[in-house]
Amino acid sequence: MKQLTVYYDGLCPLCQKSKRLLERVDRFRQLTFSDARRMPVEQQPRLLERMHVETEQGVRYPGIEGIRLLTKTLPFLLPLAPFVSLSIGLRIGAPLYDRVAKNRVIPMSCTTECSIN
C-alpha cells in the first residue's frame, strides 16, 4: 500500500482544515503529515508556497499534482481523480490551486527574527 508524506503550512487555517479532512478520509493510514515550518530553513520557502505530497521514493509533487496523487491513492477520494486530472489537462487546475494558495490568510506570527520598532 502506498505511503505518502503531506507537507503543509502549520500556521495556515485552510491548510490545517485540509489536513484534518485528509486525516478523516485516510482509512488505511497511508498519510504522514509534516509541518513545512518545521523543515530546514532552506526548504521552507518552496514548501510553504503550496502543499507538497512526497512518495516513499522521495519524489515530491507540489500543489495540484499533489492533490491528484492523493485522489489516486486514497480510496475515499478516488471518485474525484478524473475531475482533478481533467482540470490539470485543461490547464485550469494549477492556476486555480495557486490562486487559492497565494490568497490564503496566515494569522500574524513572529519568530526570533521579528522586531517591533
PDB file of N, CA and C in Angstrom:
ATOM      1  N   MET A   1       0.849  -1.180   0.000  1.00  0.00           N
ATOM      2  CA  MET A   1       0.000   0.000   0.000  1.00  0.00           C
ATOM      3  C   MET A   1       0.890   1.238   0.000  1.00  0.00           C
ATOM      4  N   LYS A   2       0.547   2.200  -0.827  1.00  0.00           N
ATOM      5  CA  LYS A   2       1.320   3.428  -0.966  1.00  0.00           C
ATOM      6  C   LYS A   2       1.311   4.248   0.321  1.00  0.00           C
ATOM      7  N   GLN A   3       2.488   4.705   0.724  1.00  0.00           N
ATOM      8  CA  GLN A   3       2.615   5.613   1.859  1.00  0.00           C
ATOM      9  C   GLN A   3       3.074   6.966   1.328  1.00  0.00           C
ATOM     10  N   LEU A   4       2.432   8.030   1.784  1.00  0.00           N
ATOM     11  CA  LEU A   4       2.745   9.378   1.318  1.00  0.00           C
ATOM     12  C   LEU A   4       2.959  10.299   2.508  1.00  0.00           C
ATOM     13  N   THR A   5       3.828  11.296   2.303  1.00  0.00           N
ATOM     14  CA  THR A   5       4.019  12.348   3.294  1.00  0.00           C
ATOM     15  C   THR A   5       3.439  13.629   2.717  1.00  0.00           C
ATOM     16  N   VAL A   6       2.604  14.290   3.498  1.00  0.00           N
ATOM     17  CA  VAL A   6       1.978  15.537   3.076  1.00  0.00           C
ATOM     18  C   VAL A   6       2.627  16.675   3.862  1.00  0.00           C
ATOM     19  N   TYR A   7       3.240  17.623   3.135  1.00  0.00           N
ATOM     20  CA  TYR A   7       3.838  18.804   3.751  1.00  0.00           C
ATOM     21  C   TYR A   7       2.826  19.940   3.643  1.00  0.00           C
ATOM     22  N   TYR A   8       2.519  20.547   4.767  1.00  0.00           N
ATOM     23  CA  TYR A   8       1.514  21.607   4.805  1.00  0.00           C
ATOM     24  C   TYR A   8       2.023  22.752   5.679  1.00  0.00           C
ATOM     25  N   ASP A   9       1.370  23.898   5.595  1.00  0.00           N
ATOM     26  CA  ASP A   9       1.729  25.068   6.391  1.00  0.00           C
ATOM     27  C   ASP A   9       0.968  25.001   7.715  1.00  0.00           C
ATOM     28  N   GLY A  10       1.674  24.749   8.792  1.00  0.00           N
ATOM     29  CA  GLY A  10       1.057  24.586  10.096  1.00  0.00           C
ATOM     30  C   GLY A  10       0.432  25.847  10.669  1.00  0.00           C
ATOM     31  N   LEU A  11       0.712  27.010  10.102  1.00  0.00           N
ATOM     32  CA  LEU A  11       0.104  28.258  10.579  1.00  0.00           C
ATOM     33  C   LEU A  11      -1.122  28.659   9.768  1.00  0.00           C
ATOM     34  N   CYS A  12      -1.373  27.981   8.686  1.00  0.00           N
ATOM     35  CA  CYS A  12      -2.465  28.347   7.786  1.00  0.00           C
ATOM     36  C   CYS A  12      -3.760  27.626   8.188  1.00  0.00           C
ATOM     37  N   PRO A  13      -4.813  28.385   8.546  1.00  0.00           N
ATOM     38  CA  PRO A  13      -6.080  27.743   8.909  1.00  0.00           C
ATOM     39  C   PRO A  13      -6.654  26.857   7.800  1.00  0.00           C
ATOM     40  N   LEU A  14      -6.546  27.290   6.539  1.00  0.00           N
ATOM     41  CA  LEU A  14      -7.040  26.478   5.423  1.00  0.00           C
ATOM     42  C   LEU A  14      -6.249  25.177   5.328  1.00  0.00           C
ATOM     43  N   CYS A  15      -4.942  25.258   5.502  1.00  0.00           N
ATOM     44  CA  CYS A  15      -4.096  24.065   5.440  1.00  0.00           C
ATOM     45  C   CYS A  15      -4.406  23.120   6.599  1.00  0.00           C
ATOM     46  N   GLN A  16      -4.630  23.666   7.781  1.00  0.00           N
ATOM     47  CA  GLN A  16      -4.975  22.851   8.941  1.00  0.00           C
ATOM     48  C   GLN A  16      -6.313  22.136   8.724  1.00  0.00           C
ATOM     49  N   LYS A  17      -7.264  22.846   8.147  1.00  0.00           N
ATOM     50  CA  LYS A  17      -8.571  22.242   7.857  1.00  0.00           C
ATOM     51  C   LYS A  17      -8.437  21.127   6.815  1.00  0.00           C
ATOM     52  N   SER A  18      -7.615  21.380   5.780  1.00  0.00           N
ATOM     53  CA  SER A  18      -7.369  20.356   4.751  1.00  0.00           C
ATOM     54  C   SER A  18      -6.714  19.132   5.362  1.00  0.00           C
ATOM     55  N   LYS A  19      -5.772  19.348   6.264  1.00  0.00           N
ATOM     56  CA  LYS A  19      -5.097  18.240   6.947  1.00  0.00           C
ATOM     57  C   LYS A  19      -6.108  17.408   7.740  1.00  0.00           C
ATOM     58  N   ARG A  20      -6.976  18.073   8.481  1.00  0.00           N
ATOM     59  CA  ARG A  20      -7.980  17.341   9.268  1.00  0.00           C
ATOM     60  C   ARG A  20      -8.908  16.527   8.362  1.00  0.00           C
ATOM     61  N   LEU A  21      -9.288  17.098   7.221  1.00  0.00           N
ATOM     62  CA  LEU A  21     -10.132  16.372   6.270  1.00  0.00           C
ATOM     63  C   LEU A  21      -9.402  15.138   5.748  1.00  0.00           C
ATOM     64  N   LEU A  22      -8.141  15.311   5.366  1.00  0.00           N
ATOM     65  CA  LEU A  22      -7.366  14.180   4.853  1.00  0.00           C
ATOM     66  C   LEU A  22      -7.186  13.108   5.930  1.00  0.00           C
ATOM     67  N   GLU A  23      -6.997  13.516   7.167  1.00  0.00           N
ATOM     68  CA  GLU A  23      -6.871  12.538   8.259  1.00  0.00           C
ATOM     69  C   GLU A  23      -8.152  11.716   8.401  1.00  0.00           C
ATOM     70  N   ARG A  24      -9.290  12.365   8.217  1.00  0.00           N
ATOM     71  CA  ARG A  24     -10.573  11.649   8.348  1.00  0.00           C
ATOM     72  C   ARG A  24     -10.786  10.634   7.225  1.00  0.00           C
ATOM     73  N   VAL A  25     -10.354  10.962   6.020  1.00  0.00           N
ATOM     74  CA  VAL A  25     -10.590  10.056   4.886  1.00  0.00           C
ATOM     75  C   VAL A  25      -9.465   9.045   4.692  1.00  0.00           C
ATOM     76  N   ASP A  26      -8.405   9.157   5.467  1.00  0.00           N
ATOM     77  CA  ASP A  26      -7.264   8.245   5.370  1.00  0.00           C
ATOM     78  C   ASP A  26      -7.521   6.987   6.202  1.00  0.00           C
ATOM     79  N   ARG A  27      -8.438   6.173   5.747  1.00  0.00           N
ATOM     80  CA  ARG A  27      -8.870   4.989   6.498  1.00  0.00           C
ATOM     81  C   ARG A  27      -7.775   3.929   6.657  1.00  0.00           C
ATOM     82  N   PHE A  28      -6.834   3.880   5.721  1.00  0.00           N
ATOM     83  CA  PHE A  28      -5.792   2.855   5.761  1.00  0.00           C
ATOM     84  C   PHE A  28      -4.459   3.402   6.256  1.00  0.00           C
ATOM     85  N   ARG A  29      -4.488   4.587   6.828  1.00  0.00           N
ATOM     86  CA  ARG A  29      -3.290   5.220   7.415  1.00  0.00           C
ATOM     87  C   ARG A  29      -2.122   5.252   6.434  1.00  0.00           C
ATOM     88  N   GLN A  30      -2.395   5.798   5.256  1.00  0.00           N
ATOM     89  CA  GLN A  30      -1.377   5.898   4.219  1.00  0.00           C
ATOM     90  C   GLN A  30      -0.629   7.228   4.267  1.00  0.00           C
ATOM     91  N   LEU A  31      -1.128   8.171   5.043  1.00  0.00           N
ATOM     92  CA  LEU A  31      -0.552   9.513   5.051  1.00  0.00           C
ATOM     93  C   LEU A  31       0.177   9.806   6.355  1.00  0.00           C
ATOM     94  N   THR A  32       1.294  10.506   6.189  1.00  0.00           N
ATOM     95  CA  THR A  32       2.020  11.093   7.298  1.00  0.00           C
ATOM     96  C   THR A  32       2.041  12.585   7.019  1.00  0.00           C
ATOM     97  N   PHE A  33       1.851  13.393   8.036  1.00  0.00           N
ATOM     98  CA  PHE A  33       1.810  14.840   7.857  1.00  0.00           C
ATOM     99  C   PHE A  33       3.038  15.480   8.482  1.00  0.00           C
ATOM    100  N   SER A  34       3.554  16.481   7.785  1.00  0.00           N
ATOM    101  CA  SER A  34       4.725  17.195   8.268  1.00  0.00           C
ATOM    102  C   SER A  34       4.515  18.690   8.067  1.00  0.00           C
ATOM    103  N   ASP A  35       4.661  19.440   9.144  1.00  0.00           N
ATOM    104  CA  ASP A  35       4.528  20.890   9.086  1.00  0.00           C
ATOM    105  C   ASP A  35       5.755  21.458   8.377  1.00  0.00           C
ATOM    106  N   ALA A  36       5.551  22.103   7.243  1.00  0.00           N
ATOM    107  CA  ALA A  36       6.653  22.655   6.452  1.00  0.00           C
ATOM    108  C   ALA A  36       7.457  23.686   7.236  1.00  0.00           C
ATOM    109  N   ARG A  37       6.846  24.315   8.210  1.00  0.00           N
ATOM    110  CA  ARG A  37       7.554  25.310   9.024  1.00  0.00           C
ATOM    111  C   ARG A  37       8.572  24.673   9.967  1.00  0.00           C
ATOM    112  N   ARG A  38       8.517  23.366  10.107  1.00  0.00           N
ATOM    113  CA  ARG A  38       9.481  22.653  10.950  1.00  0.00           C
ATOM    114  C   ARG A  38      10.588  22.002  10.126  1.00  0.00           C
ATOM    115  N   MET A  39      10.553  22.234   8.833  1.00  0.00           N
ATOM    116  CA  MET A  39      11.577  21.697   7.944  1.00  0.00           C
ATOM    117  C   MET A  39      12.794  22.613   7.971  1.00  0.00           C
ATOM    118  N   PRO A  40      13.938  22.155   7.437  1.00  0.00           N
ATOM    119  CA  PRO A  40      15.110  23.034   7.374  1.00  0.00           C
ATOM    120  C   PRO A  40      14.770  24.344   6.656  1.00  0.00           C
ATOM    121  N   VAL A  41      15.343  25.423   7.138  1.00  0.00           N
ATOM    122  CA  VAL A  41      15.016  26.773   6.648  1.00  0.00           C
ATOM    123  C   VAL A  41      15.152  26.885   5.131  1.00  0.00           C
ATOM    124  N   GLU A  42      16.143  26.243   4.547  1.00  0.00           N
ATOM    125  CA  GLU A  42      16.344  26.358   3.103  1.00  0.00           C
ATOM    126  C   GLU A  42      15.229  25.688   2.292  1.00  0.00           C
ATOM    127  N   GLN A  43      14.507  24.755   2.877  1.00  0.00           N
ATOM    128  CA  GLN A  43      13.409  24.083   2.185  1.00  0.00           C
ATOM    129  C   GLN A  43      12.065  24.784   2.374  1.00  0.00           C
ATOM    130  N   GLN A  44      11.956  25.604   3.399  1.00  0.00           N
ATOM    131  CA  GLN A  44      10.665  26.190   3.752  1.00  0.00           C
ATOM    132  C   GLN A  44      10.021  27.050   2.667  1.00  0.00           C
ATOM    133  N   PRO A  45      10.746  27.979   2.026  1.00  0.00           N
ATOM    134  CA  PRO A  45      10.039  28.841   1.050  1.00  0.00           C
ATOM    135  C   PRO A  45       9.286  28.054  -0.019  1.00  0.00           C
ATOM    136  N   ARG A  46       9.907  27.041  -0.580  1.00  0.00           N
ATOM    137  CA  ARG A  46       9.258  26.246  -1.623  1.00  0.00           C
ATOM    138  C   ARG A  46       8.094  25.443  -1.054  1.00  0.00           C
ATOM    139  N   LEU A  47       8.298  24.843   0.112  1.00  0.00           N
ATOM    140  CA  LEU A  47       7.248  24.011   0.718  1.00  0.00           C
ATOM    141  C   LEU A  47       6.065  24.834   1.206  1.00  0.00           C
ATOM    142  N   LEU A  48       6.304  26.099   1.551  1.00  0.00           N
ATOM    143  CA  LEU A  48       5.214  26.939   2.056  1.00  0.00           C
ATOM    144  C   LEU A  48       4.405  27.599   0.939  1.00  0.00           C
ATOM    145  N   GLU A  49       4.919  27.595  -0.281  1.00  0.00           N
ATOM    146  CA  GLU A  49       4.168  28.168  -1.410  1.00  0.00           C
ATOM    147  C   GLU A  49       2.895  27.384  -1.682  1.00  0.00           C
ATOM    148  N   ARG A  50       3.001  26.067  -1.583  1.00  0.00           N
ATOM    149  CA  ARG A  50       1.858  25.182  -1.840  1.00  0.00           C
ATOM    150  C   ARG A  50       2.115  23.864  -1.124  1.00  0.00           C
ATOM    151  N   MET A  51       1.059  23.119  -0.894  1.00  0.00           N
ATOM    152  CA  MET A  51       1.190  21.808  -0.273  1.00  0.00           C
ATOM    153  C   MET A  51       2.025  20.904  -1.178  1.00  0.00           C
ATOM    154  N   HIS A  52       2.804  20.030  -0.581  1.00  0.00           N
ATOM    155  CA  HIS A  52       3.571  19.043  -1.328  1.00  0.00           C
ATOM    156  C   HIS A  52       3.222  17.658  -0.808  1.00  0.00           C
ATOM    157  N   VAL A  53       3.207  16.693  -1.711  1.00  0.00           N
ATOM    158  CA  VAL A  53       2.978  15.301  -1.346  1.00  0.00           C
ATOM    159  C   VAL A  53       4.191  14.518  -1.832  1.00  0.00           C
ATOM    160  N   GLU A  54       4.787  13.768  -0.912  1.00  0.00           N
ATOM    161  CA  GLU A  54       6.023  13.046  -1.219  1.00  0.00           C
ATOM    162  C   GLU A  54       5.791  11.543  -1.190  1.00  0.00           C
ATOM    163  N   THR A  55       6.314  10.857  -2.199  1.00  0.00           N
ATOM    164  CA  THR A  55       6.200   9.398  -2.275  1.00  0.00           C
ATOM    165  C   THR A  55       7.262   8.747  -1.396  1.00  0.00           C
ATOM    166  N   GLU A  56       7.150   7.442  -1.238  1.00  0.00           N
ATOM    167  CA  GLU A  56       8.154   6.683  -0.476  1.00  0.00           C
ATOM    168  C   GLU A  56       9.531   6.775  -1.122  1.00  0.00           C
ATOM    169  N   GLN A  57       9.561   7.027  -2.428  1.00  0.00           N
ATOM    170  CA  GLN A  57      10.823   7.134  -3.149  1.00  0.00           C
ATOM    171  C   GLN A  57      11.433   8.541  -3.032  1.00  0.00           C
ATOM    172  N   GLY A  58      10.747   9.448  -2.351  1.00  0.00           N
ATOM    173  CA  GLY A  58      11.278  10.793  -2.152  1.00  0.00           C
ATOM    174  C   GLY A  58      10.916  11.789  -3.243  1.00  0.00           C
ATOM    175  N   VAL A  59      10.017  11.425  -4.146  1.00  0.00           N
ATOM    176  CA  VAL A  59       9.586  12.345  -5.202  1.00  0.00           C
ATOM    177  C   VAL A  59       8.465  13.213  -4.637  1.00  0.00           C
ATOM    178  N   ARG A  60       8.620  14.536  -4.767  1.00  0.00           N
ATOM    179  CA  ARG A  60       7.616  15.475  -4.248  1.00  0.00           C
ATOM    180  C   ARG A  60       6.775  16.048  -5.379  1.00  0.00           C
ATOM    181  N   TYR A  61       5.474  16.074  -5.135  1.00  0.00           N
ATOM    182  CA  TYR A  61       4.515  16.627  -6.083  1.00  0.00           C
ATOM    183  C   TYR A  61       3.871  17.847  -5.443  1.00  0.00           C
ATOM    184  N   PRO A  62       4.095  19.036  -6.012  1.00  0.00           N
ATOM    185  CA  PRO A  62       3.531  20.245  -5.418  1.00  0.00           C
ATOM    186  C   PRO A  62       2.124  20.547  -5.918  1.00  0.00           C
ATOM    187  N   GLY A  63       1.362  21.256  -5.085  1.00  0.00           N
ATOM    188  CA  GLY A  63       0.082  21.820  -5.490  1.00  0.00           C
ATOM    189  C   GLY A  63      -0.895  20.821  -6.047  1.00  0.00           C
ATOM    190  N   ILE A  64      -1.433  21.158  -7.218  1.00  0.00           N
ATOM    191  CA  ILE A  64      -2.492  20.343  -7.828  1.00  0.00           C
ATOM    192  C   ILE A  64      -1.994  18.944  -8.179  1.00  0.00           C
ATOM    193  N   GLU A  65      -0.710  18.816  -8.487  1.00  0.00           N
ATOM    194  CA  GLU A  65      -0.158  17.482  -8.777  1.00  0.00           C
ATOM    195  C   GLU A  65      -0.178  16.619  -7.517  1.00  0.00           C
ATOM    196  N   GLY A  66       0.053  17.230  -6.374  1.00  0.00           N
ATOM    197  CA  GLY A  66      -0.059  16.517  -5.104  1.00  0.00           C
ATOM    198  C   GLY A  66      -1.490  16.110  -4.819  1.00  0.00           C
ATOM    199  N   ILE A  67      -2.416  17.010  -5.132  1.00  0.00           N
ATOM    200  CA  ILE A  67      -3.844  16.691  -4.969  1.00  0.00           C
ATOM    201  C   ILE A  67      -4.208  15.500  -5.851  1.00  0.00           C
ATOM    202  N   ARG A  68      -3.711  15.510  -7.084  1.00  0.00           N
ATOM    203  CA  ARG A  68      -4.008  14.384  -7.984  1.00  0.00           C
ATOM    204  C   ARG A  68      -3.484  13.068  -7.403  1.00  0.00           C
ATOM    205  N   LEU A  69      -2.275  13.105  -6.866  1.00  0.00           N
ATOM    206  CA  LEU A  69      -1.710  11.890  -6.266  1.00  0.00           C
ATOM    207  C   LEU A  69      -2.565  11.422  -5.081  1.00  0.00           C
ATOM    208  N   LEU A  70      -3.030  12.351  -4.268  1.00  0.00           N
ATOM    209  CA  LEU A  70      -3.898  11.986  -3.138  1.00  0.00           C
ATOM    210  C   LEU A  70      -5.212  11.359  -3.615  1.00  0.00           C
ATOM    211  N   THR A  71      -5.797  11.934  -4.676  1.00  0.00           N
ATOM    212  CA  THR A  71      -7.075  11.395  -5.162  1.00  0.00           C
ATOM    213  C   THR A  71      -6.905  10.020  -5.794  1.00  0.00           C
ATOM    214  N   LYS A  72      -5.719   9.733  -6.303  1.00  0.00           N
ATOM    215  CA  LYS A  72      -5.472   8.415  -6.890  1.00  0.00           C
ATOM    216  C   LYS A  72      -5.059   7.386  -5.845  1.00  0.00           C
ATOM    217  N   THR A  73      -4.664   7.856  -4.659  1.00  0.00           N
ATOM    218  CA  THR A  73      -4.163   6.959  -3.624  1.00  0.00           C
ATOM    219  C   THR A  73      -5.208   6.617  -2.569  1.00  0.00           C
ATOM    220  N   LEU A  74      -5.956   7.615  -2.109  1.00  0.00           N
ATOM    221  CA  LEU A  74      -6.932   7.391  -1.042  1.00  0.00           C
ATOM    222  C   LEU A  74      -8.254   6.927  -1.641  1.00  0.00           C
ATOM    223  N   PRO A  75      -8.721   5.729  -1.276  1.00  0.00           N
ATOM    224  CA  PRO A  75      -9.957   5.201  -1.862  1.00  0.00           C
ATOM    225  C   PRO A  75     -11.153   6.149  -1.760  1.00  0.00           C
ATOM    226  N   PHE A  76     -11.282   6.849  -0.648  1.00  0.00           N
ATOM    227  CA  PHE A  76     -12.417   7.748  -0.464  1.00  0.00           C
ATOM    228  C   PHE A  76     -12.396   8.911  -1.460  1.00  0.00           C
ATOM    229  N   LEU A  77     -11.199   9.308  -1.903  1.00  0.00           N
ATOM    230  CA  LEU A  77     -11.067  10.431  -2.844  1.00  0.00           C
ATOM    231  C   LEU A  77     -11.006   9.989  -4.305  1.00  0.00           C
ATOM    232  N   LEU A  78     -10.942   8.702  -4.538  1.00  0.00           N
ATOM    233  CA  LEU A  78     -10.814   8.173  -5.904  1.00  0.00           C
ATOM    234  C   LEU A  78     -11.861   8.709  -6.881  1.00  0.00           C
ATOM    235  N   PRO A  79     -13.128   8.900  -6.490  1.00  0.00           N
ATOM    236  CA  PRO A  79     -14.100   9.454  -7.439  1.00  0.00           C
ATOM    237  C   PRO A  79     -13.748  10.860  -7.934  1.00  0.00           C
ATOM    238  N   LEU A  80     -12.909  11.574  -7.188  1.00  0.00           N
ATOM    239  CA  LEU A  80     -12.515  12.928  -7.601  1.00  0.00           C
ATOM    240  C   LEU A  80     -11.335  12.938  -8.579  1.00  0.00           C
ATOM    241  N   ALA A  81     -10.631  11.816  -8.689  1.00  0.00           N
ATOM    242  CA  ALA A  81      -9.420  11.753  -9.516  1.00  0.00           C
ATOM    243  C   ALA A  81      -9.649  12.192 -10.970  1.00  0.00           C
ATOM    244  N   PRO A  82     -10.716  11.741 -11.643  1.00  0.00           N
ATOM    245  CA  PRO A  82     -10.901  12.182 -13.032  1.00  0.00           C
ATOM    246  C   PRO A  82     -11.094  13.697 -13.159  1.00  0.00           C
ATOM    247  N   PHE A  83     -11.766  14.289 -12.190  1.00  0.00           N
ATOM    248  CA  PHE A  83     -12.004  15.740 -12.247  1.00  0.00           C
ATOM    249  C   PHE A  83     -10.720  16.525 -12.016  1.00  0.00           C
ATOM    250  N   VAL A  84      -9.897  16.047 -11.092  1.00  0.00           N
ATOM    251  CA  VAL A  84      -8.614  16.712 -10.842  1.00  0.00           C
ATOM    252  C   VAL A  84      -7.719  16.564 -12.073  1.00  0.00           C
ATOM    253  N   SER A  85      -7.669  15.367 -12.629  1.00  0.00           N
ATOM    254  CA  SER A  85      -6.857  15.144 -13.838  1.00  0.00           C
ATOM    255  C   SER A  85      -7.360  15.991 -15.008  1.00  0.00           C
ATOM    256  N   LEU A  86      -8.668  16.089 -15.145  1.00  0.00           N
ATOM    257  CA  LEU A  86      -9.236  16.918 -16.214  1.00  0.00           C
ATOM    258  C   LEU A  86      -8.871  18.384 -16.010  1.00  0.00           C
ATOM    259  N   SER A  87      -8.933  18.862 -14.775  1.00  0.00           N
ATOM    260  CA  SER A  87      -8.579  20.265 -14.520  1.00  0.00           C
ATOM    261  C   SER A  87      -7.116  20.527 -14.864  1.00  0.00           C
ATOM    262  N   ILE A  88      -6.264  19.536 -14.633  1.00  0.00           N
ATOM    263  CA  ILE A  88      -4.849  19.681 -14.999  1.00  0.00           C
ATOM    264  C   ILE A  88      -4.716  19.677 -16.518  1.00  0.00           C
ATOM    265  N   GLY A  89      -5.403  18.739 -17.169  1.00  0.00           N
ATOM    266  CA  GLY A  89      -5.356  18.648 -18.631  1.00  0.00           C
ATOM    267  C   GLY A  89      -5.869  19.906 -19.317  1.00  0.00           C
ATOM    268  N   LEU A  90      -6.870  20.534 -18.729  1.00  0.00           N
ATOM    269  CA  LEU A  90      -7.431  21.772 -19.300  1.00  0.00           C
ATOM    270  C   LEU A  90      -6.628  23.013 -18.892  1.00  0.00           C
ATOM    271  N   ARG A  91      -5.594  22.786 -18.115  1.00  0.00           N
ATOM    272  CA  ARG A  91      -4.702  23.860 -17.645  1.00  0.00           C
ATOM    273  C   ARG A  91      -5.412  24.889 -16.761  1.00  0.00           C
ATOM    274  N   ILE A  92      -6.414  24.430 -16.023  1.00  0.00           N
ATOM    275  CA  ILE A  92      -7.073  25.337 -15.078  1.00  0.00           C
ATOM    276  C   ILE A  92      -6.814  24.922 -13.632  1.00  0.00           C
ATOM    277  N   GLY A  93      -6.415  23.682 -13.416  1.00  0.00           N
ATOM    278  CA  GLY A  93      -6.198  23.176 -12.063  1.00  0.00           C
ATOM    279  C   GLY A  93      -5.066  23.883 -11.336  1.00  0.00           C
ATOM    280  N   ALA A  94      -3.913  23.978 -11.996  1.00  0.00           N
ATOM    281  CA  ALA A  94      -2.753  24.606 -11.343  1.00  0.00           C
ATOM    282  C   ALA A  94      -2.988  26.095 -11.078  1.00  0.00           C
ATOM    283  N   PRO A  95      -3.480  26.874 -12.060  1.00  0.00           N
ATOM    284  CA  PRO A  95      -3.727  28.292 -11.759  1.00  0.00           C
ATOM    285  C   PRO A  95      -4.764  28.494 -10.653  1.00  0.00           C
ATOM    286  N   LEU A  96      -5.788  27.654 -10.634  1.00  0.00           N
ATOM    287  CA  LEU A  96      -6.802  27.768  -9.586  1.00  0.00           C
ATOM    288  C   LEU A  96      -6.204  27.429  -8.216  1.00  0.00           C
ATOM    289  N   TYR A  97      -5.464  26.336  -8.154  1.00  0.00           N
ATOM    290  CA  TYR A  97      -4.808  25.960  -6.897  1.00  0.00           C
ATOM    291  C   TYR A  97      -3.873  27.078  -6.436  1.00  0.00           C
ATOM    292  N   ASP A  98      -3.046  27.587  -7.350  1.00  0.00           N
ATOM    293  CA  ASP A  98      -2.083  28.624  -6.980  1.00  0.00           C
ATOM    294  C   ASP A  98      -2.765  29.911  -6.531  1.00  0.00           C
ATOM    295  N   ARG A  99      -3.884  30.229  -7.122  1.00  0.00           N
ATOM    296  CA  ARG A  99      -4.623  31.434  -6.712  1.00  0.00           C
ATOM    297  C   ARG A  99      -5.093  31.287  -5.265  1.00  0.00           C
ATOM    298  N   VAL A 100      -5.649  30.135  -4.950  1.00  0.00           N
ATOM    299  CA  VAL A 100      -6.097  29.894  -3.573  1.00  0.00           C
ATOM    300  C   VAL A 100      -4.893  29.925  -2.621  1.00  0.00           C
ATOM    301  N   ALA A 101      -3.803  29.254  -3.006  1.00  0.00           N
ATOM    302  CA  ALA A 101      -2.623  29.184  -2.143  1.00  0.00           C
ATOM    303  C   ALA A 101      -2.025  30.574  -1.884  1.00  0.00           C
ATOM    304  N   LYS A 102      -1.998  31.415  -2.905  1.00  0.00           N
ATOM    305  CA  LYS A 102      -1.408  32.747  -2.747  1.00  0.00           C
ATOM    306  C   LYS A 102      -2.299  33.690  -1.950  1.00  0.00           C
ATOM    307  N   ASN A 103      -3.586  33.433  -1.918  1.00  0.00           N
ATOM    308  CA  ASN A 103      -4.517  34.331  -1.238  1.00  0.00           C
ATOM    309  C   ASN A 103      -4.998  33.806   0.113  1.00  0.00           C
ATOM    310  N   ARG A 104      -4.397  32.733   0.586  1.00  0.00           N
ATOM    311  CA  ARG A 104      -4.795  32.233   1.902  1.00  0.00           C
ATOM    312  C   ARG A 104      -4.305  33.194   2.977  1.00  0.00           C
ATOM    313  N   VAL A 105      -5.020  33.233   4.057  1.00  0.00           N
ATOM    314  CA  VAL A 105      -4.702  34.168   5.141  1.00  0.00           C
ATOM    315  C   VAL A 105      -3.932  33.420   6.220  1.00  0.00           C
ATOM    316  N   ILE A 106      -2.746  33.933   6.524  1.00  0.00           N
ATOM    317  CA  ILE A 106      -1.927  33.376   7.592  1.00  0.00           C
ATOM    318  C   ILE A 106      -2.011  34.345   8.769  1.00  0.00           C
ATOM    319  N   PRO A 107      -2.485  33.889   9.925  1.00  0.00           N
ATOM    320  CA  PRO A 107      -2.524  34.790  11.080  1.00  0.00           C
ATOM    321  C   PRO A 107      -1.113  35.290  11.385  1.00  0.00           C
ATOM    322  N   MET A 108      -1.038  36.504  11.868  1.00  0.00           N
ATOM    323  CA  MET A 108       0.259  37.093  12.160  1.00  0.00           C
ATOM    324  C   MET A 108       1.010  36.233  13.163  1.00  0.00           C
ATOM    325  N   SER A 109       2.258  35.985  12.847  1.00  0.00           N
ATOM    326  CA  SER A 109       3.107  35.219  13.747  1.00  0.00           C
ATOM    327  C   SER A 109       4.483  35.850  13.757  1.00  0.00           C
ATOM    328  N   CYS A 110       5.255  35.503  14.736  1.00  0.00           N
ATOM    329  CA  CYS A 110       6.572  36.101  14.872  1.00  0.00           C
ATOM    330  C   CYS A 110       7.562  35.011  15.220  1.00  0.00           C
ATOM    331  N   THR A 111       8.764  35.128  14.662  1.00  0.00           N
ATOM    332  CA  THR A 111       9.843  34.219  15.014  1.00  0.00           C
ATOM    333  C   THR A 111      10.871  35.008  15.805  1.00  0.00           C
ATOM    334  N   THR A 112      11.984  34.400  16.076  1.00  0.00           N
ATOM    335  CA  THR A 112      13.019  35.095  16.828  1.00  0.00           C
ATOM    336  C   THR A 112      13.621  36.257  16.031  1.00  0.00           C
ATOM    337  N   GLU A 113      13.351  36.298  14.730  1.00  0.00           N
ATOM    338  CA  GLU A 113      13.875  37.368  13.894  1.00  0.00           C
ATOM    339  C   GLU A 113      12.976  38.605  13.883  1.00  0.00           C
ATOM    340  N   CYS A 114      11.803  38.521  14.482  1.00  0.00           N
ATOM    341  CA  CYS A 114      10.864  39.638  14.488  1.00  0.00           C
ATOM    342  C   CYS A 114      11.325  40.731  15.434  1.00  0.00           C
ATOM    343  N   SER A 115      11.023  41.952  15.048  1.00  0.00           N
ATOM    344  CA  SER A 115      11.268  43.052  15.974  1.00  0.00           C
ATOM    345  C   SER A 115      10.219  44.113  15.717  1.00  0.00           C
ATOM    346  N   ILE A 116       9.813  44.774  16.775  1.00  0.00           N
ATOM    347  CA  ILE A 116       8.844  45.864  16.660  1.00  0.00           C
ATOM    348  C   ILE A 116       9.560  47.140  17.043  1.00  0.00           C
ATOM    349  N   ASN A 117       9.565  48.088  16.137  1.00  0.00           N
ATOM    350  CA  ASN A 117      10.239  49.371  16.398  1.00  0.00           C
ATOM    351  C   ASN A 117       9.229  50.466  16.527  1.00  0.00           C
TER     352      ASN A 117
END
